[in-house]
């Protein structure tokens, strides 16, 4: 969702920068890239590590609640779509191909973005706080495939980040990568495209066939 369908990464950047500042550490480009696409717990862990916060001082629950409150506030405005994303959803929906949305974002925050996308588009949605481990672990994609009633190899994921692509790969799901901010390395079951713009059903069929080989 974030970075694939909606251009929300700049909003997360603001939140992460404020989090780093609260802990007396600079949000360097290296740290920013390391946290992109992470679950909140993984992102917080990396900031805590950078700030050398001792284990006894890592109040994940309180800091996560603060982060969620800030992001909800920042999300409470018009969220911009990624190029071609709206048209892609329209295309697949018109063809009556079931779509499921997966995101590392917690349900409380994700529901705001899902409302922008159109909740009715999706057969189901799975959020990072609803599985044992978020991306890059495969759990969230395996759960989505289960809800779809399909074998993972029969699904096609669309991702934008190394974290998301790693999760899809680990789940055995063929996937299309449309990079947004961080380059993604080639791997099995992975096809690349610069943008979702001008995507056709024939394109998707070709991508799916190529990613399954």
Protein backbone atom coordinates (compact mmCIF):
# COMPACT_ATOMS: atom_id res chain seq x y z
CA UNK A 1 0.00 0.00 0.00
CA UNK A 2 2.53 2.61 1.19
CA UNK A 3 4.71 3.46 -1.79
CA UNK A 4 2.90 1.03 -4.10
CA UNK A 5 -0.63 2.43 -4.29
CA UNK A 6 -0.33 5.63 -2.26
CA UNK A 7 2.61 8.03 -2.02
CA UNK A 8 2.65 7.99 1.78
CA UNK A 9 6.36 7.42 2.32
CA UNK A 10 7.04 11.19 2.76
CA UNK A 11 4.51 11.18 5.61
CA UNK A 12 6.27 8.27 7.28
CA UNK A 13 9.56 10.13 6.77
CA UNK A 14 8.22 13.05 8.82
CA UNK A 15 7.09 10.72 11.61
CA UNK A 16 10.37 8.80 11.67
CA UNK A 17 12.40 12.02 11.69
CA UNK A 18 10.44 13.28 14.69
CA UNK A 19 10.90 9.93 16.41
CA UNK A 20 14.67 10.04 15.85
CA UNK A 21 14.81 13.63 17.12
CA UNK A 22 12.95 12.61 20.30
CA UNK A 23 15.71 10.10 20.96
CA UNK A 24 18.57 12.46 20.16
CA UNK A 25 19.69 10.83 16.93
CA UNK A 26 19.89 12.21 13.40
CA UNK A 27 17.67 10.61 10.77
CA UNK A 28 20.43 9.96 8.26
CA UNK A 29 19.69 8.74 4.75
CA UNK A 30 21.09 5.35 5.71
CA UNK A 31 18.77 5.07 8.72
CA UNK A 32 15.81 6.33 6.69
CA UNK A 33 16.32 3.71 4.01
CA UNK A 34 16.81 1.01 6.63
CA UNK A 35 13.37 1.75 8.11
CA UNK A 36 11.40 2.11 4.86
CA UNK A 37 8.69 -0.51 4.49
CA UNK A 38 9.37 -1.94 7.95
CA UNK A 39 6.81 -2.88 10.52
CA UNK A 40 6.56 -0.30 13.29
CA UNK A 41 8.37 -2.55 15.76
CA UNK A 42 11.24 -3.17 13.34
CA UNK A 43 11.50 0.55 12.52
CA UNK A 44 11.48 1.48 16.22
CA UNK A 45 14.15 -1.13 16.92
CA UNK A 46 16.45 0.41 14.32
CA UNK A 47 15.97 3.90 15.74
CA UNK A 48 16.53 2.61 19.28
CA UNK A 49 19.70 0.87 18.08
CA UNK A 50 20.96 4.05 16.40
CA UNK A 51 20.23 6.05 19.56
CA UNK A 52 21.83 3.33 21.71
CA UNK A 53 18.72 3.10 23.88
CA UNK A 54 19.25 0.32 26.46
CA UNK A 55 16.86 -2.61 26.42
CA UNK A 56 15.39 -1.47 29.73
CA UNK A 57 14.48 1.90 28.19
CA UNK A 58 12.76 0.58 25.07
CA UNK A 59 9.09 1.18 25.79
CA UNK A 60 7.77 -0.11 22.48
CA UNK A 61 4.12 0.12 23.49
CA UNK A 62 4.28 3.79 24.50
CA UNK A 63 6.43 4.90 21.57
CA UNK A 64 4.32 2.93 19.10
CA UNK A 65 1.18 4.59 20.46
CA UNK A 66 2.84 7.99 20.01
CA UNK A 67 3.86 7.10 16.45
CA UNK A 68 0.39 5.88 15.52
CA UNK A 69 -1.19 9.06 16.88
CA UNK A 70 1.21 11.22 14.89
CA UNK A 71 0.74 9.28 11.64
CA UNK A 72 -3.05 9.27 12.02
CA UNK A 73 -2.87 13.05 12.34
CA UNK A 74 -0.62 13.32 9.27
CA UNK A 75 -2.82 10.92 7.29
CA UNK A 76 -5.87 13.05 8.04
CA UNK A 77 -5.58 14.84 4.71
CA UNK A 78 -5.85 13.92 1.05
CA UNK A 79 -3.39 11.09 0.40
CA UNK A 80 -1.73 11.18 -3.04
CA UNK A 81 -1.93 8.16 -5.35
CA UNK A 82 1.13 6.63 -6.98
CA UNK A 83 1.20 7.03 -10.79
CA UNK A 84 -1.15 4.55 -12.46
CA UNK A 85 -2.29 2.96 -9.18
CA UNK A 86 -5.91 4.09 -9.34
CA UNK A 87 -6.21 2.99 -12.97
CA UNK A 88 -4.62 -0.37 -12.13
CA UNK A 89 -7.18 -1.02 -9.40
CA UNK A 90 -9.98 0.04 -11.74
CA UNK A 91 -8.68 -2.30 -14.44
CA UNK A 92 -8.38 -5.36 -12.22
CA UNK A 93 -11.68 -4.63 -10.50
CA UNK A 94 -13.52 -4.31 -13.82
CA UNK A 95 -12.14 -7.72 -14.81
CA UNK A 96 -13.58 -9.11 -11.55
CA UNK A 97 -10.19 -10.42 -10.46
CA UNK A 98 -10.18 -10.63 -6.64
CA UNK A 99 -7.78 -8.19 -4.98
CA UNK A 100 -6.45 -8.32 -1.43
CA UNK A 101 -4.44 -5.58 0.23
CA UNK A 102 -1.52 -6.32 2.54
CA UNK A 103 0.43 -3.70 4.47
CA UNK A 104 2.90 -3.57 7.34
CA UNK A 105 0.96 -0.57 8.63
CA UNK A 106 -1.19 -1.09 11.74
CA UNK A 107 -4.93 -1.39 11.21
CA UNK A 108 -5.72 1.92 12.97
CA UNK A 109 -3.59 3.84 10.48
CA UNK A 110 -4.16 1.61 7.45
CA UNK A 111 -7.93 2.03 7.60
CA UNK A 112 -7.52 5.74 6.83
CA UNK A 113 -5.54 4.96 3.68
CA UNK A 114 -7.85 2.08 2.72
CA UNK A 115 -10.77 4.52 2.81
CA UNK A 116 -8.93 6.63 0.22
CA UNK A 117 -8.30 3.59 -1.98
CA UNK A 118 -11.87 2.32 -1.61
CA UNK A 119 -12.41 -0.51 0.84
CA UNK A 120 -15.00 -2.04 -1.48
CA UNK A 121 -12.29 -2.81 -4.03
CA UNK A 122 -10.71 -5.49 -1.85
CA UNK A 123 -11.92 -8.96 -0.95
CA UNK A 124 -9.88 -8.66 2.25
CA UNK A 125 -7.16 -6.56 3.85
CA UNK A 126 -4.36 -7.76 6.14
CA UNK A 127 -2.35 -5.41 8.35
CA UNK A 128 1.00 -5.75 10.06
CA UNK A 129 -0.47 -6.01 13.55
CA UNK A 130 -2.70 -8.92 12.50
CA UNK A 131 0.05 -11.47 11.81
CA UNK A 132 2.85 -12.92 13.93
CA UNK A 133 5.58 -11.16 11.94
CA UNK A 134 5.37 -8.36 9.39
CA UNK A 135 7.31 -8.00 6.18
CA UNK A 136 9.99 -9.11 5.30
CA UNK A 137 8.60 -12.29 6.89
CA UNK A 138 6.13 -14.12 4.61
CA UNK A 139 3.28 -14.26 7.16
CA UNK A 140 1.22 -11.39 5.78
CA UNK A 141 1.25 -12.78 2.23
CA UNK A 142 0.55 -16.32 3.35
CA UNK A 143 -2.45 -15.05 5.30
CA UNK A 144 -3.70 -13.14 2.25
CA UNK A 145 -3.39 -16.24 0.05
CA UNK A 146 -5.27 -18.23 2.68
CA UNK A 147 -8.08 -15.65 2.75
CA UNK A 148 -8.20 -15.72 -1.05
CA UNK A 149 -8.47 -19.50 -1.00
CA UNK A 150 -5.52 -19.75 -3.39
CA UNK A 151 -2.09 -21.35 -3.35
CA UNK A 152 0.57 -18.61 -3.05
CA UNK A 153 1.98 -19.59 -6.45
CA UNK A 154 -1.42 -18.79 -8.01
CA UNK A 155 -1.33 -15.18 -6.76
CA UNK A 156 0.47 -12.09 -8.03
CA UNK A 157 1.81 -9.49 -5.60
CA UNK A 158 2.75 -5.92 -6.47
CA UNK A 159 5.47 -4.35 -4.34
CA UNK A 160 7.74 -1.31 -4.31
CA UNK A 161 10.41 -1.99 -1.67
CA UNK A 162 13.06 -4.59 -0.80
CA UNK A 163 11.16 -5.38 2.41
CA UNK A 164 7.90 -6.10 0.60
CA UNK A 165 9.55 -7.96 -2.27
CA UNK A 166 11.43 -10.15 0.21
CA UNK A 167 8.15 -11.01 1.93
CA UNK A 168 6.48 -11.98 -1.34
CA UNK A 169 9.50 -14.03 -2.37
CA UNK A 170 9.59 -15.82 0.99
CA UNK A 171 5.90 -16.65 0.63
CA UNK A 172 6.50 -18.16 -2.81
CA UNK A 173 4.31 -15.57 -4.51
CA UNK A 174 5.16 -14.34 -8.02
CA UNK A 175 5.51 -10.58 -7.80
CA UNK A 176 5.81 -7.40 -9.81
CA UNK A 177 8.13 -4.75 -8.39
CA UNK A 178 7.59 -1.08 -9.20
CA UNK A 179 10.38 0.57 -7.18
CA UNK A 180 9.55 3.84 -5.46
CA UNK A 181 12.54 4.97 -3.40
CA UNK A 182 14.96 2.09 -2.85
CA UNK A 183 16.26 -0.21 -5.61
CA UNK A 184 15.17 -3.84 -5.39
CA UNK A 185 17.50 -6.65 -6.43
CA UNK A 186 16.49 -9.26 -9.02
CA UNK A 187 15.32 -12.61 -7.65
CA UNK A 188 13.30 -15.66 -8.59
CA UNK A 189 9.57 -15.07 -9.20
CA UNK A 190 10.27 -11.33 -9.59
CA UNK A 191 9.48 -9.06 -12.54
CA UNK A 192 10.17 -5.33 -12.75
CA UNK A 193 8.28 -2.43 -14.28
CA UNK A 194 9.01 1.29 -14.00
CA UNK A 195 5.41 2.33 -13.38
CA UNK A 196 1.84 1.09 -13.11
CA UNK A 197 0.81 3.63 -15.73
CA UNK A 198 -0.72 2.29 -18.97
CA UNK A 199 -0.86 -1.24 -17.55
CA UNK A 200 -3.21 -3.60 -19.41
CA UNK A 201 -4.68 -6.99 -18.56
CA UNK A 202 -2.43 -8.52 -21.22
CA UNK A 203 0.54 -6.88 -19.48
CA UNK A 204 -0.52 -8.39 -16.16
CA UNK A 205 -0.97 -11.83 -17.73
CA UNK A 206 2.51 -11.60 -19.22
CA UNK A 207 4.01 -10.43 -15.93
CA UNK A 208 2.32 -13.27 -14.06
CA UNK A 209 3.55 -15.85 -16.56
CA UNK A 210 7.10 -14.47 -16.46
CA UNK A 211 7.17 -14.31 -12.65
CA UNK A 212 6.06 -17.94 -12.33
CA UNK A 213 8.97 -19.30 -14.36
